[in-house]
PDB file of all heavy atoms in Angstrom:
ATOM      1  N   ILE A   1       3.174  43.172  58.584  1.00  0.00           N
ATOM      2  CA  ILE A   1       3.059  43.976  59.812  1.00  0.00           C
ATOM      3  C   ILE A   1       3.279  43.106  61.042  1.00  0.00           C
ATOM      4  O   ILE A   1       4.010  43.492  61.973  1.00  0.00           O
ATOM      5  CB  ILE A   1       1.679  44.659  59.875  1.00  0.00           C
ATOM      6  CG1 ILE A   1       1.565  45.710  58.760  1.00  0.00           C
ATOM      7  CG2 ILE A   1       1.444  45.305  61.237  1.00  0.00           C
ATOM      8  CD1 ILE A   1       0.167  46.329  58.656  1.00  0.00           C
ATOM      9  N   LEU A   2       2.680  41.935  61.049  1.00  0.00           N
ATOM     10  CA  LEU A   2       2.801  41.059  62.214  1.00  0.00           C
ATOM     11  C   LEU A   2       4.192  40.455  62.329  1.00  0.00           C
ATOM     12  O   LEU A   2       4.734  40.317  63.438  1.00  0.00           O
ATOM     13  CB  LEU A   2       1.748  39.939  62.149  1.00  0.00           C
ATOM     14  CG  LEU A   2       0.274  40.378  62.134  1.00  0.00           C
ATOM     15  CD1 LEU A   2      -0.633  39.157  62.189  1.00  0.00           C
ATOM     16  CD2 LEU A   2      -0.033  41.327  63.261  1.00  0.00           C
ATOM     17  N   GLU A   3       4.797  40.087  61.214  1.00  0.00           N
ATOM     18  CA  GLU A   3       6.131  39.482  61.257  1.00  0.00           C
ATOM     19  C   GLU A   3       7.185  40.506  61.669  1.00  0.00           C
ATOM     20  O   GLU A   3       8.219  40.127  62.227  1.00  0.00           O
ATOM     21  CB  GLU A   3       6.449  38.877  59.889  1.00  0.00           C
ATOM     22  CG  GLU A   3       5.653  37.609  59.616  1.00  0.00           C
ATOM     23  CD  GLU A   3       5.795  37.111  58.182  1.00  0.00           C
ATOM     24  OE1 GLU A   3       6.575  37.738  57.411  1.00  0.00           O
ATOM     25  OE2 GLU A   3       5.150  36.103  57.827  1.00  0.00           O
ATOM     26  N   ASP A   4       6.922  41.791  61.421  1.00  0.00           N
ATOM     27  CA  ASP A   4       7.859  42.832  61.836  1.00  0.00           C
ATOM     28  C   ASP A   4       8.020  42.899  63.362  1.00  0.00           C
ATOM     29  O   ASP A   4       9.048  43.374  63.863  1.00  0.00           O
ATOM     30  CB  ASP A   4       7.402  44.213  61.330  1.00  0.00           C
ATOM     31  CG  ASP A   4       7.780  44.420  59.862  1.00  0.00           C
ATOM     32  OD1 ASP A   4       8.612  43.654  59.361  1.00  0.00           O
ATOM     33  OD2 ASP A   4       7.233  45.358  59.249  1.00  0.00           O
ATOM     34  N   VAL A   5       7.013  42.426  64.097  1.00  0.00           N
ATOM     35  CA  VAL A   5       7.082  42.449  65.569  1.00  0.00           C
ATOM     36  C   VAL A   5       7.346  41.050  66.134  1.00  0.00           C
ATOM     37  O   VAL A   5       7.139  40.805  67.321  1.00  0.00           O
ATOM     38  CB  VAL A   5       5.807  43.065  66.181  1.00  0.00           C
ATOM     39  CG1 VAL A   5       5.662  44.513  65.797  1.00  0.00           C
ATOM     40  CG2 VAL A   5       4.568  42.252  65.792  1.00  0.00           C
ATOM     41  N   GLY A   6       7.785  40.147  65.270  1.00  0.00           N
ATOM     42  CA  GLY A   6       8.225  38.843  65.745  1.00  0.00           C
ATOM     43  C   GLY A   6       7.155  37.761  65.751  1.00  0.00           C
ATOM     44  O   GLY A   6       7.416  36.661  66.269  1.00  0.00           O
ATOM     45  N   LEU A   7       5.979  38.012  65.199  1.00  0.00           N
ATOM     46  CA  LEU A   7       4.938  36.990  65.151  1.00  0.00           C
ATOM     47  C   LEU A   7       5.142  36.118  63.908  1.00  0.00           C
ATOM     48  O   LEU A   7       5.636  36.583  62.878  1.00  0.00           O
ATOM     49  CB  LEU A   7       3.559  37.623  65.107  1.00  0.00           C
ATOM     50  CG  LEU A   7       3.185  38.535  66.282  1.00  0.00           C
ATOM     51  CD1 LEU A   7       1.794  39.127  66.079  1.00  0.00           C
ATOM     52  CD2 LEU A   7       3.243  37.791  67.595  1.00  0.00           C
ATOM     53  N   SER A   8       4.715  34.859  64.011  1.00  0.00           N
ATOM     54  CA  SER A   8       4.733  33.986  62.827  1.00  0.00           C
ATOM     55  C   SER A   8       3.329  33.929  62.260  1.00  0.00           C
ATOM     56  O   SER A   8       2.343  34.020  62.988  1.00  0.00           O
ATOM     57  CB  SER A   8       5.222  32.591  63.217  1.00  0.00           C
ATOM     58  OG  SER A   8       4.356  31.999  64.166  1.00  0.00           O
ATOM     59  N   THR A   9       3.244  33.804  60.945  1.00  0.00           N
ATOM     60  CA  THR A   9       1.937  33.852  60.290  1.00  0.00           C
ATOM     61  C   THR A   9       1.785  32.698  59.315  1.00  0.00           C
ATOM     62  O   THR A   9       2.751  32.134  58.811  1.00  0.00           O
ATOM     63  CB  THR A   9       1.748  35.174  59.512  1.00  0.00           C
ATOM     64  OG1 THR A   9       2.732  35.264  58.476  1.00  0.00           O
ATOM     65  CG2 THR A   9       1.894  36.372  60.448  1.00  0.00           C
ATOM     66  N   ARG A  10       0.510  32.334  59.095  1.00  0.00           N
ATOM     67  CA  ARG A  10       0.118  31.416  58.036  1.00  0.00           C
ATOM     68  C   ARG A  10      -1.038  32.052  57.279  1.00  0.00           C
ATOM     69  O   ARG A  10      -1.729  32.928  57.809  1.00  0.00           O
ATOM     70  CB  ARG A  10      -0.319  30.086  58.622  1.00  0.00           C
ATOM     71  CG  ARG A  10       0.810  29.252  59.192  1.00  0.00           C
ATOM     72  CD  ARG A  10       0.284  27.924  59.729  1.00  0.00           C
ATOM     73  NE  ARG A  10      -0.157  28.043  61.114  1.00  0.00           N
ATOM     74  CZ  ARG A  10      -0.891  27.127  61.749  1.00  0.00           C
ATOM     75  NH1 ARG A  10      -1.297  26.044  61.092  1.00  0.00           N
ATOM     76  NH2 ARG A  10      -1.216  27.275  63.003  1.00  0.00           N
ATOM     77  N   GLU A  11      -1.263  31.628  56.032  1.00  0.00           N
ATOM     78  CA  GLU A  11      -2.292  32.247  55.220  1.00  0.00           C
ATOM     79  C   GLU A  11      -3.240  31.196  54.655  1.00  0.00           C
ATOM     80  O   GLU A  11      -2.849  30.066  54.376  1.00  0.00           O
ATOM     81  CB  GLU A  11      -1.666  33.046  54.084  1.00  0.00           C
ATOM     82  CG  GLU A  11      -0.757  34.182  54.544  1.00  0.00           C
ATOM     83  CD  GLU A  11      -0.140  34.930  53.374  1.00  0.00           C
ATOM     84  OE1 GLU A  11      -0.706  34.883  52.260  1.00  0.00           O
ATOM     85  OE2 GLU A  11       0.930  35.557  53.569  1.00  0.00           O
ATOM     86  N   ALA A  12      -4.508  31.607  54.500  1.00  0.00           N
ATOM     87  CA  ALA A  12      -5.525  30.759  53.877  1.00  0.00           C
ATOM     88  C   ALA A  12      -6.473  31.663  53.101  1.00  0.00           C
ATOM     89  O   ALA A  12      -6.791  32.774  53.529  1.00  0.00           O
ATOM     90  CB  ALA A  12      -6.298  29.969  54.927  1.00  0.00           C
ATOM     91  N   SER A  13      -6.935  31.161  51.941  1.00  0.00           N
ATOM     92  CA  SER A  13      -7.793  31.987  51.084  1.00  0.00           C
ATOM     93  C   SER A  13      -9.271  31.660  51.259  1.00  0.00           C
ATOM     94  O   SER A  13     -10.132  32.407  50.772  1.00  0.00           O
ATOM     95  CB  SER A  13      -7.400  31.800  49.612  1.00  0.00           C
ATOM     96  OG  SER A  13      -7.539  30.421  49.227  1.00  0.00           O
ATOM     97  N   GLY A  14      -9.592  30.566  51.918  1.00  0.00           N
ATOM     98  CA  GLY A  14     -10.980  30.183  52.084  1.00  0.00           C
ATOM     99  C   GLY A  14     -11.162  29.146  53.176  1.00  0.00           C
ATOM    100  O   GLY A  14     -10.213  28.810  53.919  1.00  0.00           O
ATOM    101  N   ARG A  15     -12.364  28.575  53.258  1.00  0.00           N
ATOM    102  CA  ARG A  15     -12.702  27.676  54.348  1.00  0.00           C
ATOM    103  C   ARG A  15     -11.838  26.427  54.387  1.00  0.00           C
ATOM    104  O   ARG A  15     -11.329  26.030  55.446  1.00  0.00           O
ATOM    105  CB  ARG A  15     -14.179  27.258  54.234  1.00  0.00           C
ATOM    106  CG  ARG A  15     -14.589  26.282  55.335  1.00  0.00           C
ATOM    107  CD  ARG A  15     -15.837  25.491  55.013  1.00  0.00           C
ATOM    108  NE  ARG A  15     -16.016  24.446  56.010  1.00  0.00           N
ATOM    109  CZ  ARG A  15     -15.372  23.275  56.007  1.00  0.00           C
ATOM    110  NH1 ARG A  15     -14.502  23.030  55.022  1.00  0.00           N
ATOM    111  NH2 ARG A  15     -15.573  22.384  56.951  1.00  0.00           N
ATOM    112  N   ASP A  16     -11.658  25.762  53.225  1.00  0.00           N
ATOM    113  CA  ASP A  16     -10.948  24.488  53.211  1.00  0.00           C
ATOM    114  C   ASP A  16      -9.510  24.655  53.697  1.00  0.00           C
ATOM    115  O   ASP A  16      -9.018  23.854  54.519  1.00  0.00           O
ATOM    116  CB  ASP A  16     -10.967  23.879  51.807  1.00  0.00           C
ATOM    117  CG  ASP A  16     -12.365  23.425  51.403  1.00  0.00           C
ATOM    118  OD1 ASP A  16     -13.216  23.287  52.304  1.00  0.00           O
ATOM    119  OD2 ASP A  16     -12.596  23.217  50.198  1.00  0.00           O
ATOM    120  N   GLU A  17      -8.826  25.681  53.205  1.00  0.00           N
ATOM    121  CA  GLU A  17      -7.452  25.928  53.652  1.00  0.00           C
ATOM    122  C   GLU A  17      -7.424  26.280  55.132  1.00  0.00           C
ATOM    123  O   GLU A  17      -6.535  25.845  55.872  1.00  0.00           O
ATOM    124  CB  GLU A  17      -6.823  27.039  52.824  1.00  0.00           C
ATOM    125  CG  GLU A  17      -6.454  26.655  51.399  1.00  0.00           C
ATOM    126  CD  GLU A  17      -5.712  27.782  50.697  1.00  0.00           C
ATOM    127  OE1 GLU A  17      -4.850  28.425  51.340  1.00  0.00           O
ATOM    128  OE2 GLU A  17      -6.011  28.047  49.523  1.00  0.00           O
ATOM    129  N   CYS A  18      -8.370  27.092  55.552  1.00  0.00           N
ATOM    130  CA  CYS A  18      -8.429  27.509  56.965  1.00  0.00           C
ATOM    131  C   CYS A  18      -8.574  26.300  57.875  1.00  0.00           C
ATOM    132  O   CYS A  18      -7.820  26.155  58.844  1.00  0.00           O
ATOM    133  CB  CYS A  18      -9.597  28.482  57.165  1.00  0.00           C
ATOM    134  SG  CYS A  18      -9.916  28.904  58.901  1.00  0.00           S
ATOM    135  N   MET A  19      -9.518  25.417  57.569  1.00  0.00           N
ATOM    136  CA  MET A  19      -9.756  24.259  58.434  1.00  0.00           C
ATOM    137  C   MET A  19      -8.620  23.258  58.397  1.00  0.00           C
ATOM    138  O   MET A  19      -8.337  22.584  59.395  1.00  0.00           O
ATOM    139  CB  MET A  19     -11.074  23.575  58.048  1.00  0.00           C
ATOM    140  CG  MET A  19     -12.297  24.420  58.360  1.00  0.00           C
ATOM    141  SD  MET A  19     -12.304  24.939  60.103  1.00  0.00           S
ATOM    142  CE  MET A  19     -13.435  26.312  60.044  1.00  0.00           C
ATOM    143  N   LEU A  20      -7.930  23.195  57.279  1.00  0.00           N
ATOM    144  CA  LEU A  20      -6.761  22.313  57.198  1.00  0.00           C
ATOM    145  C   LEU A  20      -5.693  22.783  58.152  1.00  0.00           C
ATOM    146  O   LEU A  20      -5.099  21.970  58.897  1.00  0.00           O
ATOM    147  CB  LEU A  20      -6.210  22.304  55.760  1.00  0.00           C
ATOM    148  CG  LEU A  20      -4.969  21.415  55.531  1.00  0.00           C
ATOM    149  CD1 LEU A  20      -5.283  19.953  55.824  1.00  0.00           C
ATOM    150  CD2 LEU A  20      -4.450  21.579  54.105  1.00  0.00           C
ATOM    151  N   HIS A  21      -5.452  24.093  58.195  1.00  0.00           N
ATOM    152  CA  HIS A  21      -4.465  24.641  59.121  1.00  0.00           C
ATOM    153  C   HIS A  21      -4.896  24.409  60.580  1.00  0.00           C
ATOM    154  O   HIS A  21      -4.099  23.984  61.417  1.00  0.00           O
ATOM    155  CB  HIS A  21      -4.289  26.138  58.890  1.00  0.00           C
ATOM    156  CG  HIS A  21      -3.416  26.487  57.721  1.00  0.00           C
ATOM    157  ND1 HIS A  21      -2.054  26.314  57.745  1.00  0.00           N
ATOM    158  CD2 HIS A  21      -3.728  27.007  56.496  1.00  0.00           C
ATOM    159  CE1 HIS A  21      -1.548  26.708  56.582  1.00  0.00           C
ATOM    160  NE2 HIS A  21      -2.536  27.135  55.809  1.00  0.00           N
ATOM    161  N   VAL A  22      -6.168  24.701  60.878  1.00  0.00           N
ATOM    162  CA  VAL A  22      -6.661  24.588  62.259  1.00  0.00           C
ATOM    163  C   VAL A  22      -6.615  23.142  62.743  1.00  0.00           C
ATOM    164  O   VAL A  22      -6.219  22.873  63.886  1.00  0.00           O
ATOM    165  CB  VAL A  22      -8.086  25.161  62.361  1.00  0.00           C
ATOM    166  CG1 VAL A  22      -8.699  24.854  63.723  1.00  0.00           C
ATOM    167  CG2 VAL A  22      -8.090  26.664  62.114  1.00  0.00           C
ATOM    168  N   ASN A  23      -7.017  22.210  61.895  1.00  0.00           N
ATOM    169  CA  ASN A  23      -7.064  20.805  62.307  1.00  0.00           C
ATOM    170  C   ASN A  23      -5.667  20.182  62.389  1.00  0.00           C
ATOM    171  O   ASN A  23      -5.441  19.257  63.168  1.00  0.00           O
ATOM    172  CB  ASN A  23      -7.916  19.999  61.336  1.00  0.00           C
ATOM    173  CG  ASN A  23      -9.389  20.415  61.389  1.00  0.00           C
ATOM    174  OD1 ASN A  23      -9.869  20.873  62.415  1.00  0.00           O
ATOM    175  ND2 ASN A  23     -10.093  20.266  60.273  1.00  0.00           N
ATOM    176  N   THR A  24      -4.717  20.682  61.588  1.00  0.00           N
ATOM    177  CA  THR A  24      -3.369  20.140  61.595  1.00  0.00           C
ATOM    178  C   THR A  24      -2.565  20.669  62.783  1.00  0.00           C
ATOM    179  O   THR A  24      -1.933  19.914  63.534  1.00  0.00           O
ATOM    180  CB  THR A  24      -2.631  20.484  60.286  1.00  0.00           C
ATOM    181  OG1 THR A  24      -3.372  19.970  59.181  1.00  0.00           O
ATOM    182  CG2 THR A  24      -1.221  19.877  60.279  1.00  0.00           C
ATOM    183  N   SER A  25      -2.603  21.978  62.954  1.00  0.00           N
ATOM    184  CA  SER A  25      -1.871  22.617  64.049  1.00  0.00           C
ATOM    185  C   SER A  25      -2.597  23.912  64.422  1.00  0.00           C
ATOM    186  O   SER A  25      -2.418  24.935  63.770  1.00  0.00           O
ATOM    187  CB  SER A  25      -0.428  22.919  63.636  1.00  0.00           C
ATOM    188  OG  SER A  25       0.253  23.596  64.669  1.00  0.00           O
ATOM    189  N   PRO A  26      -3.451  23.886  65.465  1.00  0.00           N
ATOM    190  CA  PRO A  26      -4.270  25.043  65.796  1.00  0.00           C
ATOM    191  C   PRO A  26      -3.417  26.287  66.058  1.00  0.00           C
ATOM    192  O   PRO A  26      -2.448  26.242  66.813  1.00  0.00           O
ATOM    193  CB  PRO A  26      -5.010  24.608  67.072  1.00  0.00           C
ATOM    194  CG  PRO A  26      -4.980  23.127  67.040  1.00  0.00           C
ATOM    195  CD  PRO A  26      -3.696  22.756  66.382  1.00  0.00           C
ATOM    196  N   PRO A  27      -3.754  27.419  65.434  1.00  0.00           N
ATOM    197  CA  PRO A  27      -3.012  28.661  65.675  1.00  0.00           C
ATOM    198  C   PRO A  27      -3.448  29.297  66.989  1.00  0.00           C
ATOM    199  O   PRO A  27      -4.447  28.913  67.598  1.00  0.00           O
ATOM    200  CB  PRO A  27      -3.426  29.535  64.488  1.00  0.00           C
ATOM    201  CG  PRO A  27      -4.822  29.083  64.172  1.00  0.00           C
ATOM    202  CD  PRO A  27      -4.835  27.596  64.455  1.00  0.00           C
ATOM    203  N   ALA A  28      -2.658  30.292  67.437  1.00  0.00           N
ATOM    204  CA  ALA A  28      -3.026  31.029  68.651  1.00  0.00           C
ATOM    205  C   ALA A  28      -4.128  32.025  68.359  1.00  0.00           C
ATOM    206  O   ALA A  28      -4.877  32.416  69.250  1.00  0.00           O
ATOM    207  CB  ALA A  28      -1.808  31.738  69.227  1.00  0.00           C
ATOM    208  N   LEU A  29      -4.266  32.448  67.077  1.00  0.00           N
ATOM    209  CA  LEU A  29      -5.217  33.492  66.707  1.00  0.00           C
ATOM    210  C   LEU A  29      -5.585  33.330  65.223  1.00  0.00           C
ATOM    211  O   LEU A  29      -4.723  32.978  64.408  1.00  0.00           O
ATOM    212  CB  LEU A  29      -4.613  34.875  66.956  1.00  0.00           C
ATOM    213  CG  LEU A  29      -5.344  36.098  66.402  1.00  0.00           C
ATOM    214  CD1 LEU A  29      -6.685  36.280  67.100  1.00  0.00           C
ATOM    215  CD2 LEU A  29      -4.499  37.356  66.533  1.00  0.00           C
ATOM    216  N   VAL A  30      -6.844  33.622  64.890  1.00  0.00           N
ATOM    217  CA  VAL A  30      -7.292  33.671  63.486  1.00  0.00           C
ATOM    218  C   VAL A  30      -7.769  35.085  63.196  1.00  0.00           C
ATOM    219  O   VAL A  30      -8.590  35.641  63.922  1.00  0.00           O
ATOM    220  CB  VAL A  30      -8.431  32.663  63.211  1.00  0.00           C
ATOM    221  CG1 VAL A  30      -8.967  32.840  61.794  1.00  0.00           C
ATOM    222  CG2 VAL A  30      -7.944  31.234  63.420  1.00  0.00           C
ATOM    223  N   ILE A  31      -7.208  35.658  62.137  1.00  0.00           N
ATOM    224  CA  ILE A  31      -7.720  36.949  61.610  1.00  0.00           C
ATOM    225  C   ILE A  31      -8.517  36.603  60.364  1.00  0.00           C
ATOM    226  O   ILE A  31      -7.969  36.064  59.389  1.00  0.00           O
ATOM    227  CB  ILE A  31      -6.578  37.920  61.296  1.00  0.00           C
ATOM    228  CG1 ILE A  31      -5.832  38.286  62.576  1.00  0.00           C
ATOM    229  CG2 ILE A  31      -7.116  39.182  60.616  1.00  0.00           C
ATOM    230  CD1 ILE A  31      -4.657  39.226  62.378  1.00  0.00           C
ATOM    231  N   LEU A  32      -9.820  36.925  60.356  1.00  0.00           N
ATOM    232  CA  LEU A  32     -10.759  36.389  59.359  1.00  0.00           C
ATOM    233  C   LEU A  32     -11.546  37.507  58.683  1.00  0.00           C
ATOM    234  O   LEU A  32     -12.167  38.338  59.361  1.00  0.00           O
ATOM    235  CB  LEU A  32     -11.727  35.415  60.046  1.00  0.00           C
ATOM    236  CG  LEU A  32     -12.898  34.893  59.246  1.00  0.00           C
ATOM    237  CD1 LEU A  32     -12.421  34.006  58.091  1.00  0.00           C
ATOM    238  CD2 LEU A  32     -13.862  34.115  60.149  1.00  0.00           C
ATOM    239  N   ASP A  33     -11.515  37.508  57.351  1.00  0.00           N
ATOM    240  CA  ASP A  33     -12.357  38.418  56.569  1.00  0.00           C
ATOM    241  C   ASP A  33     -13.742  37.790  56.432  1.00  0.00           C
ATOM    242  O   ASP A  33     -13.886  36.649  55.999  1.00  0.00           O
ATOM    243  CB  ASP A  33     -11.748  38.638  55.184  1.00  0.00           C
ATOM    244  CG  ASP A  33     -12.490  39.683  54.373  1.00  0.00           C
ATOM    245  OD1 ASP A  33     -13.462  40.276  54.909  1.00  0.00           O
ATOM    246  OD2 ASP A  33     -12.123  39.913  53.212  1.00  0.00           O
ATOM    247  N   LEU A  34     -14.782  38.565  56.829  1.00  0.00           N
ATOM    248  CA  LEU A  34     -16.136  38.028  56.756  1.00  0.00           C
ATOM    249  C   LEU A  34     -16.620  37.858  55.322  1.00  0.00           C
ATOM    250  O   LEU A  34     -17.417  36.978  55.034  1.00  0.00           O
ATOM    251  CB  LEU A  34     -17.102  38.947  57.502  1.00  0.00           C
ATOM    252  CG  LEU A  34     -17.222  38.747  59.015  1.00  0.00           C
ATOM    253  CD1 LEU A  34     -18.289  39.684  59.570  1.00  0.00           C
ATOM    254  CD2 LEU A  34     -17.540  37.321  59.380  1.00  0.00           C
ATOM    255  N   TRP A  35     -16.122  38.713  54.423  1.00  0.00           N
ATOM    256  CA  TRP A  35     -16.638  38.683  53.053  1.00  0.00           C
ATOM    257  C   TRP A  35     -15.598  38.057  52.136  1.00  0.00           C
ATOM    258  O   TRP A  35     -14.656  38.694  51.708  1.00  0.00           O
ATOM    259  CB  TRP A  35     -16.969  40.106  52.590  1.00  0.00           C
ATOM    260  CG  TRP A  35     -18.016  40.733  53.463  1.00  0.00           C
ATOM    261  CD1 TRP A  35     -17.817  41.529  54.518  1.00  0.00           C
ATOM    262  CD2 TRP A  35     -19.423  40.543  53.346  1.00  0.00           C
ATOM    263  NE1 TRP A  35     -19.015  41.887  55.100  1.00  0.00           N
ATOM    264  CE2 TRP A  35     -20.028  41.291  54.382  1.00  0.00           C
ATOM    265  CE3 TRP A  35     -20.245  39.822  52.479  1.00  0.00           C
ATOM    266  CZ2 TRP A  35     -21.405  41.339  54.573  1.00  0.00           C
ATOM    267  CZ3 TRP A  35     -21.611  39.883  52.664  1.00  0.00           C
ATOM    268  CH2 TRP A  35     -22.180  40.624  53.704  1.00  0.00           C
ATOM    269  N   LEU A  36     -15.771  36.788  51.865  1.00  0.00           N
ATOM    270  CA  LEU A  36     -14.859  36.052  51.008  1.00  0.00           C
ATOM    271  C   LEU A  36     -15.489  35.838  49.644  1.00  0.00           C
ATOM    272  O   LEU A  36     -16.713  35.640  49.529  1.00  0.00           O
ATOM    273  CB  LEU A  36     -14.501  34.695  51.634  1.00  0.00           C
ATOM    274  CG  LEU A  36     -13.821  34.770  53.016  1.00  0.00           C
ATOM    275  CD1 LEU A  36     -13.657  33.358  53.572  1.00  0.00           C
ATOM    276  CD2 LEU A  36     -12.471  35.447  52.921  1.00  0.00           C
ATOM    277  N   ALA A  37     -14.653  35.881  48.586  1.00  0.00           N
ATOM    278  CA  ALA A  37     -15.160  35.686  47.237  1.00  0.00           C
ATOM    279  C   ALA A  37     -15.659  34.263  47.054  1.00  0.00           C
ATOM    280  O   ALA A  37     -15.159  33.323  47.671  1.00  0.00           O
ATOM    281  CB  ALA A  37     -14.059  35.980  46.218  1.00  0.00           C
ATOM    282  N   GLY A  38     -16.661  34.097  46.226  1.00  0.00           N
ATOM    283  CA  GLY A  38     -17.215  32.770  45.975  1.00  0.00           C
ATOM    284  C   GLY A  38     -18.729  32.814  45.955  1.00  0.00           C
ATOM    285  O   GLY A  38     -19.354  33.873  46.110  1.00  0.00           O
ATOM    286  N   GLU A  39     -19.326  31.644  45.751  1.00  0.00           N
ATOM    287  CA  GLU A  39     -20.772  31.574  45.682  1.00  0.00           C
ATOM    288  C   GLU A  39     -21.420  31.917  47.017  1.00  0.00           C
ATOM    289  O   GLU A  39     -22.475  32.532  47.061  1.00  0.00           O
ATOM    290  CB  GLU A  39     -21.206  30.167  45.232  1.00  0.00           C
ATOM    291  CG  GLU A  39     -20.730  29.804  43.830  1.00  0.00           C
ATOM    292  CD  GLU A  39     -21.201  28.432  43.428  1.00  0.00           C
ATOM    293  OE1 GLU A  39     -21.909  27.789  44.240  1.00  0.00           O
ATOM    294  OE2 GLU A  39     -20.866  27.987  42.317  1.00  0.00           O
TER     295      GLU A  39
END
């Protein structure tokens, strides 16, 4: 949906991937699911 309007996206499945993206190259926006699978 976002790429259809010209936005670029990245994906992460959990905290470690999310923080790797943020610390490497901070995005303009994070869309975050509060309920993630795991312990």
